[in-house]
Amino acid sequence: MSTKRRRPATADKRLAIHKHLAKIQTEIVKLRHDRAAVKREEFHEMSKSLEQVQQNADALRTQLTRIGQIQQEVDDIKRALKKAGLLD
């Protein structure tokens, strides 16, 4: 009758711990990869948002310039009306 040599319980525990650590490390790598993907997506989303803000700022600048031009035209008309005596 041959006797099989059995591993000590501590060796089984060490093996189980190593397997568990390997699973945890795999999960950590996966989470890091997923987080990197989120960072890229967030970056692209923020870039689009900043482009929209820039476009809005440009449109506002154009509108304010036009409002200034209209105000100048109104002032010129008022001055002409006052000079002609048609406005107090």
Protein backbone atom coordinates (compact mmCIF):
# COMPACT_ATOMS: atom_id res chain seq x y z
CA MET A 1 0.00 0.00 0.00
CA SER A 2 1.50 3.22 -1.06
CA THR A 3 1.01 6.20 1.06
CA LYS A 4 0.36 9.50 -0.55
CA ARG A 5 2.07 12.35 0.97
CA ARG A 6 -0.39 15.01 1.86
CA ARG A 7 0.45 18.69 1.80
CA PRO A 8 0.40 20.36 5.14
CA ALA A 9 -2.63 22.53 5.88
CA THR A 10 -0.45 25.63 5.88
CA ALA A 11 0.59 24.91 2.29
CA ASP A 12 -3.08 24.63 1.28
CA LYS A 13 -3.78 27.93 3.00
CA ARG A 14 -0.82 29.57 1.24
CA LEU A 15 -2.02 28.25 -2.12
CA ALA A 16 -5.54 29.54 -1.46
CA ILE A 17 -4.16 32.92 -0.43
CA HIS A 18 -2.02 33.12 -3.59
CA LYS A 19 -5.02 32.27 -5.76
CA HIS A 20 -7.09 34.89 -3.95
CA LEU A 21 -4.32 37.49 -4.37
CA ALA A 22 -4.08 36.67 -8.07
CA LYS A 23 -7.83 37.27 -8.45
CA ILE A 24 -7.55 40.56 -6.56
CA GLN A 25 -4.61 41.68 -8.71
CA THR A 26 -6.54 40.82 -11.86
CA GLU A 27 -9.49 42.84 -10.59
CA ILE A 28 -7.22 45.79 -9.74
CA VAL A 29 -5.76 45.77 -13.26
CA LYS A 30 -9.28 45.66 -14.70
CA LEU A 31 -10.43 48.54 -12.49
CA ARG A 32 -7.39 50.63 -13.42
CA HIS A 33 -8.08 50.02 -17.11
CA ASP A 34 -11.75 50.93 -16.65
CA ARG A 35 -10.78 54.08 -14.74
CA ALA A 36 -8.37 55.07 -17.51
CA ALA A 37 -11.20 54.68 -20.02
CA VAL A 38 -13.45 56.85 -17.87
CA LYS A 39 -10.71 59.45 -17.66
CA ARG A 40 -10.47 59.54 -21.47
CA GLU A 41 -14.25 59.82 -21.79
CA GLU A 42 -14.33 62.57 -19.16
CA PHE A 43 -11.53 64.37 -21.00
CA HIS A 44 -13.42 64.26 -24.29
CA GLU A 45 -16.62 65.40 -22.59
CA MET A 46 -14.81 68.28 -20.92
CA SER A 47 -13.14 69.23 -24.20
CA LYS A 48 -16.52 69.39 -25.92
CA SER A 49 -17.93 71.46 -23.07
CA LEU A 50 -15.00 73.88 -23.23
CA GLU A 51 -15.41 74.22 -27.00
CA GLN A 52 -19.10 75.05 -26.48
CA VAL A 53 -18.19 77.63 -23.82
CA GLN A 54 -15.69 79.18 -26.24
CA GLN A 55 -18.32 79.31 -29.01
CA ASN A 56 -20.81 80.92 -26.61
CA ALA A 57 -18.19 83.46 -25.51
CA ASP A 58 -17.44 84.33 -29.14
CA ALA A 59 -21.15 84.73 -29.92
CA LEU A 60 -21.61 86.92 -26.84
CA ARG A 61 -18.61 89.06 -27.81
CA THR A 62 -20.13 89.56 -31.27
CA GLN A 63 -23.52 90.47 -29.78
CA LEU A 64 -21.99 92.93 -27.33
CA THR A 65 -20.01 94.56 -30.14
CA ARG A 66 -23.20 94.92 -32.17
CA ILE A 67 -25.06 96.35 -29.14
CA GLY A 68 -22.27 98.92 -28.75
CA GLN A 69 -22.59 99.85 -32.43
CA ILE A 70 -26.37 100.19 -32.11
CA GLN A 71 -25.95 102.35 -28.99
CA GLN A 72 -23.57 104.63 -30.91
CA GLU A 73 -26.11 104.90 -33.75
CA VAL A 74 -28.88 105.75 -31.26
CA ASP A 75 -26.67 108.43 -29.67
CA ASP A 76 -25.92 109.90 -33.13
CA ILE A 77 -29.64 110.00 -33.94
CA LYS A 78 -30.46 111.66 -30.59
CA ARG A 79 -27.75 114.27 -31.15
CA ALA A 80 -29.06 114.99 -34.65
CA LEU A 81 -32.63 115.28 -33.33
CA LYS A 82 -31.54 117.67 -30.55
CA LYS A 83 -29.55 119.74 -33.00
CA ALA A 84 -32.61 119.98 -35.26
CA GLY A 85 -34.72 121.01 -32.25
CA LEU A 86 -37.00 117.99 -32.52
CA LEU A 87 -36.00 116.52 -29.17
CA ASP A 88 -35.61 118.24 -25.82
